[in-house]
Amino acid sequence: MTGPRGHETPQQITPRSSIWEGVLGTAEVVAWALVLELGRNIVVNSLGDNDVVKVIGGLLRGLAIIAVVGAGAYVAYRRIDSFRERVRTERELALIAELVEPGEPVRFVDARSRPDPPRQLSELDHNPILAALRDLPVQEFETAALLAVLSAVLEAPSRLPSDSAPDGRTAILVLADLEMRGIIGYLGADRYCLREAPRLPPTAEVIRGPHWQAALPALLHHYADRASRWSIALETVRFAKGARRWFEAEEEYLRTLFPTPATRLPTAAVNELARIADALDVWYARKGLPEHAHGVAQALCDLTDPDDFPLRGELARLRAGRLRRRPPKYRPRALSSSLSARWSHYTALHRLHNEQPSPMVLTQSAEQLEAAWWLLPRTDLAGVVCALINLAVVHLHEGRLDAAQDRLELAESLTRDGRDPAGGAQTRETLGALWWTRGEPRRALRHWQRALTAYRELDDDLGTGRCLQHLGSAVVLAPEHGGLLLGNDPALTRAEVLRQAGGWLAAARRLHPQALHVEHYARRAGSTLHTVDRWPLAAPDPQ
């Protein structure tokens, strides 16, 4: 029967072949080495000792030695690679282990409002601390961020040859003094703002001075560090919901940290802004927004000098849609290869989205995804899984179901140990589309059930909405499968299955407004439900 039409959301990046694992399996190599040595002995014993036999015997023995040494080297490489991956994973877990998740929003508490600009007073003129605070891109700070900025400003004079002694006060004492004088005000919710500022010196002079040059990187480092950690947490089951709440509260503020394009920034500040842009890129991908959402990539392009930051600049232009050619090779090679892979992947998806999906377009897109595959570092598991999924989607459009299944099974094996849970969820979702296309609806429903459970654990609205759409439209087409999703207690009727399906489709429309064909199946369901009444059952453990 015809499958429910759905919307596959492509991701970004691409896969590695496991062919060498089969060829260089240790046991097989040792066995072949023994066969070669046995063949050498047979040849020598059968044909006697002459020059030709010696050459053949030497070649066979050399092949055996090369095979064993090669297999040993490969096993050692994989062990080292596995160790590095374990160290990297442990480092990431250590970064997020002490995160404290934001709580659920409290009702009837005033939303955070932006404070008024500070009043400029002549009696505060030429105060270097206040001038540096005045010319930062924001005048509202978390307590920890403000203390970090004040500490950096107080230490700035000590880093320069100067006759003046550095300020001996600590950041805590300076903050208390400024608050007591009303220059800095407490906004509540652990935030301060600058209420009064000097008129002089002018901004152009301030940003060339040591105090501002120290203050800006300190401010950006504080938020880049937190945004980077929460972007890692966003991809974990344990912290996903808290990370989502953090980004929802802080995303707009993070965008205001980008200064005007005309500002000449210290190198450290550009690097911290790039980290913030990377974290927002992860958040926008989770929300289903384009890479150039809210102008973040464009802002980084404007602030990044291509001569000083070639890799950063190329990545920013790629995200902003301004990179029209394959990036040249840079050092370090690993980052350069990743950038080239992302460019190939981006180009393939751009072609799919903007051209008619003809056989030629599909073939060219698949070839570009394959080209990206060879460039990706093995450590980029999320990229590998993402590319496998996208290749599978292309193969599904081509009608190459076996090729699509091969890609998805490899992606599933890579995420089976719990790494990249978001990629694992989308793998199962796409497997559902594959099995429905193959005419096996029950297997398709099982995969969508498992994907739905994973998306809900990750608090991923878009993924949850897509799976509700898949399941709802499937049972609208085939109500006899409703028992797999709703059980049989109480006993089901066709009307009840369609009623529940209508609720799932209504929720899908709310969670994923761009979902295709939801209205069509909702009309066919004829349900009066406007939200989920009974969630689809979790799929039984495959073990």
Protein backbone atom coordinates (compact mmCIF):
# COMPACT_ATOMS: atom_id res chain seq x y z
CA MET A 1 0.00 0.00 0.00
CA THR A 2 1.08 3.59 -0.45
CA GLY A 3 3.10 5.03 2.42
CA PRO A 4 2.30 8.26 4.21
CA ARG A 5 3.96 11.19 2.59
CA GLY A 6 6.29 12.91 5.01
CA HIS A 7 9.03 15.44 5.30
CA GLU A 8 12.59 14.21 5.75
CA THR A 9 14.79 16.86 7.31
CA PRO A 10 18.35 16.58 6.02
CA GLN A 11 21.21 17.07 8.43
CA GLN A 12 24.82 17.96 7.72
CA ILE A 13 28.03 16.06 7.07
CA THR A 14 29.04 12.41 5.82
CA PRO A 15 30.26 8.54 6.23
CA ARG A 16 33.28 6.21 6.26
CA SER A 17 33.57 2.79 4.68
CA SER A 18 34.23 -0.22 6.87
CA ILE A 19 35.68 -2.27 4.01
CA TRP A 20 39.15 -2.39 5.52
CA GLU A 21 37.76 -3.85 8.73
CA GLY A 22 36.59 -6.86 6.73
CA VAL A 23 39.75 -7.16 4.69
CA LEU A 24 42.04 -6.71 7.66
CA GLY A 25 40.15 -8.73 10.24
CA THR A 26 42.94 -10.09 12.44
CA ALA A 27 41.88 -13.73 12.47
CA GLU A 28 41.40 -13.82 8.70
CA VAL A 29 44.80 -12.24 8.07
CA VAL A 30 46.59 -14.73 10.30
CA ALA A 31 44.77 -17.57 8.56
CA TRP A 32 45.80 -16.32 5.13
CA ALA A 33 49.39 -15.87 6.34
CA LEU A 34 49.43 -19.52 7.42
CA VAL A 35 47.99 -20.56 4.05
CA LEU A 36 50.71 -18.63 2.23
CA GLU A 37 53.43 -20.20 4.37
CA LEU A 38 51.91 -23.65 3.82
CA GLY A 39 51.82 -22.97 0.06
CA ARG A 40 55.48 -21.94 0.13
CA ASN A 41 56.44 -25.18 1.90
CA ILE A 42 54.46 -27.25 -0.60
CA VAL A 43 56.12 -25.53 -3.55
CA VAL A 44 59.61 -25.96 -2.12
CA ASN A 45 59.07 -29.59 -1.16
CA SER A 46 57.43 -30.50 -4.47
CA LEU A 47 59.73 -28.77 -6.93
CA GLY A 48 63.03 -29.01 -5.13
CA ASP A 49 65.61 -26.37 -4.40
CA ASN A 50 66.27 -24.18 -7.46
CA ASP A 51 66.40 -20.46 -8.15
CA VAL A 52 62.82 -20.13 -9.46
CA VAL A 53 61.40 -21.99 -6.47
CA LYS A 54 63.46 -19.81 -4.13
CA VAL A 55 62.03 -16.64 -5.71
CA ILE A 56 58.44 -17.93 -5.49
CA GLY A 57 58.98 -19.10 -1.90
CA GLY A 58 60.48 -15.75 -0.95
CA LEU A 59 57.54 -13.89 -2.46
CA LEU A 60 55.00 -16.04 -0.61
CA ARG A 61 56.82 -15.60 2.69
CA GLY A 62 57.12 -11.84 2.08
CA LEU A 63 53.39 -11.58 1.41
CA ALA A 64 52.65 -13.46 4.62
CA ILE A 65 54.90 -11.16 6.65
CA ILE A 66 53.44 -8.03 5.03
CA ALA A 67 49.89 -9.23 5.75
CA VAL A 68 50.62 -9.94 9.42
CA VAL A 69 52.54 -6.70 9.97
CA GLY A 70 49.84 -4.71 8.15
CA ALA A 71 47.10 -6.31 10.23
CA GLY A 72 49.03 -5.61 13.44
CA ALA A 73 49.55 -1.98 12.44
CA TYR A 74 45.85 -1.60 11.62
CA VAL A 75 44.78 -3.12 14.94
CA ALA A 76 47.19 -0.80 16.78
CA TYR A 77 45.82 2.20 14.88
CA ARG A 78 42.24 1.26 15.75
CA ARG A 79 43.18 0.80 19.41
CA ILE A 80 44.82 4.24 19.50
CA ASP A 81 41.86 5.76 17.66
CA SER A 82 39.44 4.15 20.11
CA PHE A 83 41.49 5.45 23.03
CA ARG A 84 41.45 8.98 21.61
CA GLU A 85 37.70 8.81 21.10
CA ARG A 86 37.23 7.62 24.68
CA VAL A 87 39.40 10.47 25.99
CA ARG A 88 37.45 13.00 23.90
CA THR A 89 34.13 11.64 25.15
CA GLU A 90 35.30 11.73 28.76
CA ARG A 91 36.49 15.31 28.28
CA GLU A 92 33.08 16.35 26.95
CA LEU A 93 31.29 14.59 29.79
CA ALA A 94 33.56 16.33 32.29
CA LEU A 95 32.69 19.69 30.72
CA ILE A 96 28.96 19.21 31.26
CA ALA A 97 29.04 17.10 34.45
CA GLU A 98 28.69 20.14 36.74
CA LEU A 99 26.07 21.98 34.72
CA VAL A 100 22.98 22.92 36.72
CA GLU A 101 19.92 22.88 34.51
CA PRO A 102 17.51 25.84 34.53
CA GLY A 103 14.21 25.01 36.13
CA GLU A 104 10.83 25.18 34.49
CA PRO A 105 9.60 28.76 33.96
CA VAL A 106 7.74 30.18 36.96
CA ARG A 107 4.30 31.53 36.14
CA PHE A 108 3.36 35.14 36.90
CA VAL A 109 7.02 36.23 37.10
CA ASP A 110 7.79 39.24 34.90
CA ALA A 111 9.77 38.38 31.80
CA ARG A 112 13.28 39.78 31.67
CA SER A 113 13.17 43.23 30.06
CA ARG A 114 16.05 45.08 28.45
CA PRO A 115 17.29 47.93 30.69
CA ASP A 116 17.43 51.53 29.52
CA PRO A 117 20.73 52.83 28.09
CA PRO A 118 23.03 54.28 30.78
CA ARG A 119 22.96 58.01 31.46
CA GLN A 120 26.21 59.69 30.44
CA LEU A 121 27.59 62.04 33.11
CA SER A 122 30.56 64.37 32.81
CA GLU A 123 31.64 63.78 36.44
CA LEU A 124 32.50 60.21 35.49
CA ASP A 125 34.70 61.22 32.55
CA HIS A 126 38.00 59.42 31.97
CA ASN A 127 37.18 56.59 34.35
CA PRO A 128 38.80 53.68 32.43
CA ILE A 129 36.68 50.98 34.05
CA LEU A 130 33.36 52.66 33.34
CA ALA A 131 34.45 53.66 29.84
CA ALA A 132 35.28 50.02 29.05
CA LEU A 133 31.90 48.87 30.38
CA ARG A 134 30.12 51.60 28.40
CA ASP A 135 31.56 50.46 25.07
CA LEU A 136 30.94 46.75 25.43
CA PRO A 137 28.23 45.42 23.08
CA VAL A 138 25.88 44.91 26.07
CA GLN A 139 25.28 46.76 29.32
CA GLU A 140 23.47 43.91 31.06
CA PHE A 141 25.51 41.12 32.68
CA GLU A 142 25.20 38.01 34.77
CA THR A 143 26.98 38.45 38.08
CA ALA A 144 29.68 35.92 37.15
CA ALA A 145 30.22 37.60 33.77
CA LEU A 146 30.47 41.07 35.30
CA LEU A 147 32.98 39.88 37.87
CA ALA A 148 35.05 38.25 35.10
CA VAL A 149 35.02 41.51 33.13
CA LEU A 150 35.96 43.62 36.16
CA SER A 151 38.79 41.24 37.05
CA ALA A 152 40.18 41.47 33.50
CA VAL A 153 39.92 45.28 33.50
CA LEU A 154 41.69 45.56 36.87
CA GLU A 155 44.51 43.30 35.69
CA ALA A 156 44.95 45.03 32.30
CA PRO A 157 47.37 47.80 33.45
CA SER A 158 49.71 45.25 35.05
CA ARG A 159 50.30 43.65 31.64
CA LEU A 160 51.69 46.87 30.15
CA PRO A 161 54.88 48.82 30.93
CA SER A 162 53.53 51.75 32.94
CA ASP A 163 54.54 54.06 35.75
CA SER A 164 51.09 53.86 37.36
CA ALA A 165 50.47 51.14 39.89
CA PRO A 166 47.60 48.75 39.15
CA ASP A 167 44.36 49.06 41.07
CA GLY A 168 44.77 47.00 44.22
CA ARG A 169 41.05 46.33 44.68
CA THR A 170 39.33 43.09 43.81
CA ALA A 171 36.41 42.73 41.41
CA ILE A 172 34.04 42.09 44.34
CA LEU A 173 35.02 45.36 46.03
CA VAL A 174 34.74 47.33 42.79
CA LEU A 175 31.28 45.88 42.11
CA ALA A 176 30.11 46.68 45.64
CA ASP A 177 31.39 50.27 45.30
CA LEU A 178 29.75 50.83 41.91
CA GLU A 179 26.46 49.40 43.15
CA MET A 180 26.52 51.56 46.26
CA ARG A 181 27.07 54.68 44.11
CA GLY A 182 24.20 53.73 41.81
CA ILE A 183 26.43 53.43 38.77
CA ILE A 184 25.60 49.74 38.44
CA GLY A 185 22.11 48.51 39.33
CA TYR A 186 20.86 45.07 40.33
CA LEU A 187 18.07 43.85 38.05
CA GLY A 188 17.20 40.70 39.94
CA ALA A 189 17.59 37.15 38.64
CA ASP A 190 21.35 37.39 39.22
CA ARG A 191 21.83 40.23 36.72
CA TYR A 192 23.29 43.71 36.81
CA CYS A 193 23.17 46.60 34.37
CA LEU A 194 25.17 49.76 33.79
CA ARG A 195 23.03 52.77 34.78
CA GLU A 196 25.56 55.61 34.51
CA ALA A 197 28.58 56.05 32.25
CA PRO A 198 31.19 58.70 31.38
CA ARG A 199 30.88 60.93 28.32
CA LEU A 200 34.62 60.90 27.65
CA PRO A 201 36.85 59.53 26.26
CA PRO A 202 35.20 58.78 22.89
CA THR A 203 34.52 55.20 21.86
CA ALA A 204 37.27 55.14 19.21
CA GLU A 205 39.85 55.91 21.89
CA VAL A 206 38.40 53.46 24.41
CA ILE A 207 38.48 50.42 22.12
CA ARG A 208 42.16 51.01 21.43
CA GLY A 209 42.94 51.04 25.14
CA PRO A 210 44.06 48.10 27.29
CA HIS A 211 40.98 48.08 29.53
CA TRP A 212 38.46 47.50 26.72
CA GLN A 213 40.85 45.12 24.95
CA ALA A 214 40.83 43.01 28.14
CA ALA A 215 37.14 43.43 28.99
CA LEU A 216 35.64 42.27 25.69
CA PRO A 217 37.46 38.89 25.48
CA ALA A 218 36.64 38.23 29.15
CA LEU A 219 32.93 38.88 28.54
CA LEU A 220 32.86 36.77 25.40
CA HIS A 221 34.86 33.94 26.99
CA HIS A 222 32.35 33.69 29.82
CA TYR A 223 29.40 33.23 27.48
CA ALA A 224 31.30 31.20 24.87
CA ASP A 225 32.29 28.74 27.58
CA ARG A 226 28.71 28.32 28.75
CA ALA A 227 27.22 28.19 25.26
CA SER A 228 29.76 25.54 24.20
CA ARG A 229 28.95 23.37 27.20
CA TRP A 230 25.21 23.68 26.74
CA SER A 231 25.54 22.85 23.03
CA ILE A 232 27.24 19.58 24.04
CA ALA A 233 24.53 18.98 26.65
CA LEU A 234 21.86 19.54 24.00
CA GLU A 235 22.97 16.28 22.34
CA THR A 236 22.68 14.18 25.52
CA VAL A 237 19.62 12.49 26.95
CA ARG A 238 20.53 13.53 30.50
CA PHE A 239 20.75 17.29 29.90
CA ALA A 240 18.75 17.86 26.71
CA LYS A 241 15.68 19.45 28.33
CA GLY A 242 17.74 21.75 30.54
CA ALA A 243 19.94 22.74 27.59
CA ARG A 244 16.88 23.63 25.58
CA ARG A 245 15.58 25.87 28.37
CA TRP A 246 19.01 27.54 28.63
CA PHE A 247 19.17 28.34 24.92
CA GLU A 248 15.58 29.55 24.86
CA ALA A 249 16.43 32.01 27.66
CA GLU A 250 19.87 33.10 26.43
CA GLU A 251 19.82 32.86 22.61
CA GLU A 252 18.73 36.45 22.01
CA TYR A 253 21.33 37.75 24.48
CA LEU A 254 24.08 35.72 22.81
CA ARG A 255 23.25 37.38 19.50
CA THR A 256 23.62 40.84 21.03
CA LEU A 257 27.24 40.05 21.96
CA PHE A 258 28.35 40.48 18.35
CA PRO A 259 29.77 44.03 17.99
CA THR A 260 29.21 46.28 15.00
CA PRO A 261 31.15 45.21 11.88
CA ALA A 262 33.33 48.35 11.91
CA THR A 263 34.89 47.36 15.25
CA ARG A 264 38.45 46.07 15.11
CA LEU A 265 38.45 43.15 17.53
CA PRO A 266 41.28 41.43 19.41
CA THR A 267 42.13 37.96 18.09
CA ALA A 268 40.91 36.35 21.32
CA ALA A 269 37.53 38.06 20.94
CA VAL A 270 37.05 36.76 17.38
CA ASN A 271 37.81 33.21 18.54
CA GLU A 272 35.28 33.48 21.36
CA LEU A 273 32.62 34.85 19.00
CA ALA A 274 33.29 31.90 16.69
CA ARG A 275 32.65 29.52 19.61
CA ILE A 276 29.35 31.28 20.33
CA ALA A 277 28.42 31.01 16.63
CA ASP A 278 29.24 27.28 16.70
CA ALA A 279 26.97 26.76 19.72
CA LEU A 280 24.14 28.73 18.10
CA ASP A 281 24.62 26.64 14.96
CA VAL A 282 23.86 23.51 17.00
CA TRP A 283 20.81 25.18 18.57
CA TYR A 284 19.46 26.38 15.22
CA ALA A 285 19.88 22.89 13.77
CA ARG A 286 17.84 21.50 16.69
CA LYS A 287 15.11 24.06 16.03
CA GLY A 288 15.13 23.35 12.28
CA LEU A 289 16.31 26.85 11.40
CA PRO A 290 18.73 27.55 8.54
CA GLU A 291 22.42 28.06 9.25
CA HIS A 292 22.13 31.78 8.49
CA ALA A 293 19.26 32.30 10.96
CA HIS A 294 19.10 35.70 12.70
CA GLY A 295 22.19 36.94 10.86
CA VAL A 296 24.72 35.31 13.20
CA ALA A 297 26.81 33.84 10.38
CA GLN A 298 26.70 37.13 8.49
CA ALA A 299 27.81 39.05 11.59
CA LEU A 300 30.77 36.72 12.04
CA CYS A 301 31.67 37.14 8.35
CA ASP A 302 31.76 40.91 8.80
CA LEU A 303 33.98 40.65 11.88
CA THR A 304 36.40 38.06 10.49
CA ASP A 305 39.35 39.15 8.39
CA PRO A 306 40.01 36.39 5.80
CA ASP A 307 43.77 36.96 6.08
CA ASP A 308 43.83 36.62 9.86
CA PHE A 309 41.16 33.92 10.26
CA PRO A 310 41.03 31.89 7.01
CA LEU A 311 39.30 28.78 8.40
CA ARG A 312 36.91 30.73 10.62
CA GLY A 313 36.10 33.07 7.76
CA GLU A 314 35.42 30.27 5.26
CA LEU A 315 33.11 28.48 7.71
CA ALA A 316 31.23 31.71 8.46
CA ARG A 317 30.78 32.39 4.73
CA LEU A 318 29.58 28.83 4.19
CA ARG A 319 26.94 29.21 6.91
CA ALA A 320 25.92 32.58 5.52
CA GLY A 321 25.52 31.12 2.02
CA ARG A 322 28.30 33.28 0.60
CA LEU A 323 30.88 30.58 -0.20
CA ARG A 324 30.68 29.90 -3.95
CA ARG A 325 33.71 27.63 -4.39
CA ARG A 326 35.37 24.73 -2.63
CA PRO A 327 37.55 26.05 0.21
CA PRO A 328 41.31 25.84 -0.39
CA LYS A 329 43.48 23.61 1.77
CA TYR A 330 44.60 25.04 5.09
CA ARG A 331 46.43 23.81 8.13
CA PRO A 332 45.56 21.95 10.29
CA ARG A 333 44.48 19.41 7.68
CA ALA A 334 41.79 17.84 9.87
CA LEU A 335 39.87 21.11 10.14
CA SER A 336 40.43 21.91 6.48
CA SER A 337 39.12 18.47 5.45
CA SER A 338 36.05 18.92 7.67
CA LEU A 339 35.35 22.28 6.07
CA SER A 340 35.68 20.83 2.55
CA ALA A 341 33.38 17.97 3.51
CA ARG A 342 30.80 20.37 4.87
CA TRP A 343 30.99 22.45 1.69
CA SER A 344 30.36 19.36 -0.47
CA HIS A 345 27.51 18.34 1.78
CA TYR A 346 26.00 21.83 1.78
CA THR A 347 26.24 22.01 -2.02
CA ALA A 348 24.51 18.64 -2.43
CA LEU A 349 21.62 19.65 -0.17
CA HIS A 350 21.34 23.06 -1.85
CA ARG A 351 21.00 21.33 -5.22
CA LEU A 352 18.31 18.98 -3.87
CA HIS A 353 16.31 21.85 -2.38
CA ASN A 354 16.54 24.21 -5.34
CA GLU A 355 16.30 21.98 -8.39
CA GLN A 356 13.78 19.47 -9.65
CA PRO A 357 14.70 16.04 -8.21
CA SER A 358 15.52 14.52 -11.60
CA PRO A 359 17.65 11.36 -11.85
CA MET A 360 20.65 13.50 -12.84
CA VAL A 361 20.24 15.82 -9.85
CA LEU A 362 19.91 12.86 -7.48
CA THR A 363 22.99 11.19 -8.95
CA GLN A 364 25.06 14.37 -8.71
CA SER A 365 23.93 14.96 -5.11
CA ALA A 366 24.83 11.40 -4.15
CA GLU A 367 28.26 11.80 -5.75
CA GLN A 368 28.90 14.99 -3.79
CA LEU A 369 27.85 13.33 -0.56
CA GLU A 370 30.23 10.48 -1.34
CA ALA A 371 33.01 12.99 -2.01
CA ALA A 372 32.33 14.58 1.38
CA TRP A 373 32.42 11.12 2.93
CA TRP A 374 36.10 10.61 2.12
CA LEU A 375 37.03 13.97 3.61
CA LEU A 376 35.33 13.58 6.99
CA PRO A 377 37.49 12.77 10.03
CA ARG A 378 36.57 9.47 11.66
CA THR A 379 36.13 11.24 14.98
CA ASP A 380 33.17 13.22 13.60
CA LEU A 381 30.59 10.59 14.47
CA ALA A 382 27.65 12.98 14.27
CA GLY A 383 28.79 14.05 10.81
CA VAL A 384 29.25 10.46 9.65
CA VAL A 385 25.78 9.45 10.85
CA CYS A 386 24.23 12.58 9.37
CA ALA A 387 25.77 11.94 5.96
CA LEU A 388 24.68 8.31 6.01
CA ILE A 389 21.11 9.41 6.65
CA ASN A 390 21.20 11.98 3.86
CA LEU A 391 22.66 9.46 1.43
CA ALA A 392 19.93 7.03 2.40
CA VAL A 393 17.28 9.68 1.72
CA VAL A 394 18.79 10.32 -1.73
CA HIS A 395 18.82 6.59 -2.44
CA LEU A 396 15.18 6.35 -1.36
CA HIS A 397 14.30 9.04 -3.90
CA GLU A 398 16.31 7.14 -6.50
CA GLY A 399 14.40 3.93 -5.69
CA ARG A 400 17.64 2.18 -4.60
CA LEU A 401 16.18 0.62 -1.47
CA ASP A 402 19.01 -1.84 -0.84
CA ALA A 403 21.58 0.96 -0.97
CA ALA A 404 19.47 3.06 1.41
CA GLN A 405 19.12 0.15 3.82
CA ASP A 406 22.88 -0.45 3.78
CA ARG A 407 23.54 3.18 4.71
CA LEU A 408 20.97 3.19 7.50
CA GLU A 409 22.10 -0.10 9.01
CA LEU A 410 25.65 1.24 9.18
CA ALA A 411 24.40 4.43 10.86
CA GLU A 412 22.39 2.34 13.31
CA SER A 413 25.45 0.27 14.22
CA LEU A 414 27.46 3.42 14.88
CA THR A 415 24.87 4.83 17.30
CA ARG A 416 23.97 1.56 19.00
CA ASP A 417 26.19 2.24 22.04
CA GLY A 418 24.32 5.46 22.88
CA ARG A 419 26.65 7.91 21.17
CA ASP A 420 24.94 10.60 19.10
CA PRO A 421 21.40 9.90 20.38
CA ALA A 422 19.91 12.52 18.03
CA GLY A 423 21.50 10.81 15.03
CA GLY A 424 20.27 7.45 16.28
CA ALA A 425 16.73 8.77 16.56
CA GLN A 426 16.75 10.12 13.01
CA THR A 427 18.27 6.86 11.75
CA ARG A 428 15.32 4.94 13.20
CA GLU A 429 12.89 7.49 11.79
CA THR A 430 14.34 7.10 8.29
CA LEU A 431 14.38 3.32 8.64
CA GLY A 432 10.64 3.58 9.26
CA ALA A 433 10.22 5.36 5.91
CA LEU A 434 12.34 2.67 4.24
CA TRP A 435 10.34 -0.25 5.62
CA TRP A 436 7.04 1.43 4.77
CA THR A 437 8.27 1.87 1.21
CA ARG A 438 9.27 -1.80 1.16
CA GLY A 439 5.68 -2.73 2.04
CA GLU A 440 6.34 -3.79 5.66
CA PRO A 441 4.18 -1.37 7.67
CA ARG A 442 4.54 -3.13 11.03
CA ARG A 443 8.33 -2.84 10.92
CA ALA A 444 7.94 0.79 9.90
CA LEU A 445 5.66 1.52 12.86
CA ARG A 446 8.12 -0.12 15.27
CA HIS A 447 10.96 2.10 14.04
CA TRP A 448 8.81 5.24 14.29
CA GLN A 449 7.77 4.26 17.82
CA ARG A 450 11.43 3.91 18.85
CA ALA A 451 12.32 7.19 17.16
CA LEU A 452 9.43 8.95 18.93
CA THR A 453 10.65 7.70 22.32
CA ALA A 454 14.18 8.94 21.58
CA TYR A 455 13.00 12.34 20.39
CA ARG A 456 10.85 12.83 23.47
CA GLU A 457 13.83 11.97 25.70
CA LEU A 458 15.83 14.64 23.86
CA ASP A 459 12.95 17.15 24.09
CA ASP A 460 13.20 17.52 20.31
CA ASP A 461 9.93 19.09 19.15
CA LEU A 462 10.64 18.79 15.43
CA GLY A 463 11.53 15.10 15.64
CA THR A 464 8.57 14.40 17.91
CA GLY A 465 6.26 16.21 15.51
CA ARG A 466 7.55 14.28 12.50
CA CYS A 467 7.10 10.92 14.22
CA LEU A 468 3.57 11.80 15.33
CA GLN A 469 2.90 12.76 11.72
CA HIS A 470 4.28 9.43 10.45
CA LEU A 471 2.30 7.38 12.97
CA GLY A 472 -0.90 9.38 12.61
CA SER A 473 -0.94 9.30 8.82
CA ALA A 474 -0.01 5.59 8.83
CA VAL A 475 -3.00 4.53 10.91
CA VAL A 476 -5.30 6.84 8.95
CA LEU A 477 -4.32 4.79 5.90
CA ALA A 478 -4.36 1.46 7.74
CA PRO A 479 -6.47 1.60 10.96
CA GLU A 480 -6.00 -2.16 11.41
CA HIS A 481 -2.49 -1.42 12.73
CA GLY A 482 -3.83 0.78 15.53
CA GLY A 483 -3.47 -2.03 18.06
CA LEU A 484 0.33 -1.86 17.69
CA LEU A 485 0.28 1.75 18.84
CA LEU A 486 -2.60 1.86 21.31
CA GLY A 487 -2.86 -1.65 22.72
CA ASN A 488 -6.19 -3.33 23.15
CA ASP A 489 -7.27 -2.25 26.63
CA PRO A 490 -9.97 -1.12 26.26
CA ALA A 491 -10.90 -2.81 23.02
CA LEU A 492 -10.26 -0.59 20.02
CA THR A 493 -12.65 0.42 17.28
CA ARG A 494 -11.83 1.99 13.94
CA ALA A 495 -13.42 5.24 15.11
CA GLU A 496 -11.21 5.35 18.22
CA VAL A 497 -8.04 4.69 16.20
CA LEU A 498 -8.88 7.56 13.83
CA ARG A 499 -9.78 9.83 16.76
CA GLN A 500 -6.37 9.25 18.38
CA ALA A 501 -4.61 9.64 15.03
CA GLY A 502 -6.26 13.03 14.62
CA GLY A 503 -4.86 14.10 18.00
CA TRP A 504 -1.35 13.00 16.96
CA LEU A 505 -1.63 14.93 13.70
CA ALA A 506 -2.86 18.05 15.52
CA ALA A 507 0.12 17.85 17.86
CA ALA A 508 2.43 17.28 14.87
CA ARG A 509 1.12 20.45 13.23
CA ARG A 510 1.83 22.43 16.42
CA LEU A 511 5.30 20.97 17.06
CA HIS A 512 6.43 21.06 13.44
CA PRO A 513 4.54 23.80 11.57
CA GLN A 514 6.40 23.11 8.29
CA ALA A 515 5.36 19.45 8.19
CA LEU A 516 3.90 18.43 4.84
CA HIS A 517 0.51 16.82 4.26
CA VAL A 518 -0.65 16.96 7.91
CA GLU A 519 -3.88 18.75 6.98
CA HIS A 520 -4.67 16.14 4.32
CA TYR A 521 -4.49 13.23 6.77
CA ALA A 522 -6.16 15.19 9.58
CA ARG A 523 -9.21 15.74 7.35
CA ARG A 524 -9.29 12.04 6.53
CA ALA A 525 -9.13 11.18 10.24
CA GLY A 526 -12.12 13.42 11.00
CA SER A 527 -11.07 13.68 14.65
CA THR A 528 -12.19 16.33 17.12
CA LEU A 529 -9.01 16.03 19.21
CA HIS A 530 -6.66 19.02 19.18
CA THR A 531 -3.81 17.45 21.11
CA VAL A 532 -2.47 14.06 22.13
CA ASP A 533 -4.97 12.14 24.22
CA ARG A 534 -3.02 8.85 24.35
CA TRP A 535 0.60 8.75 23.29
CA PRO A 536 1.62 5.89 21.01
CA LEU A 537 2.96 2.97 23.01
CA ALA A 538 6.71 2.62 23.34
CA ALA A 539 8.07 -0.12 21.09
CA PRO A 540 9.10 -3.31 22.88
CA ASP A 541 12.82 -3.81 23.48
CA PRO A 542 14.33 -5.39 20.34
CA GLN A 543 16.46 -7.61 22.57
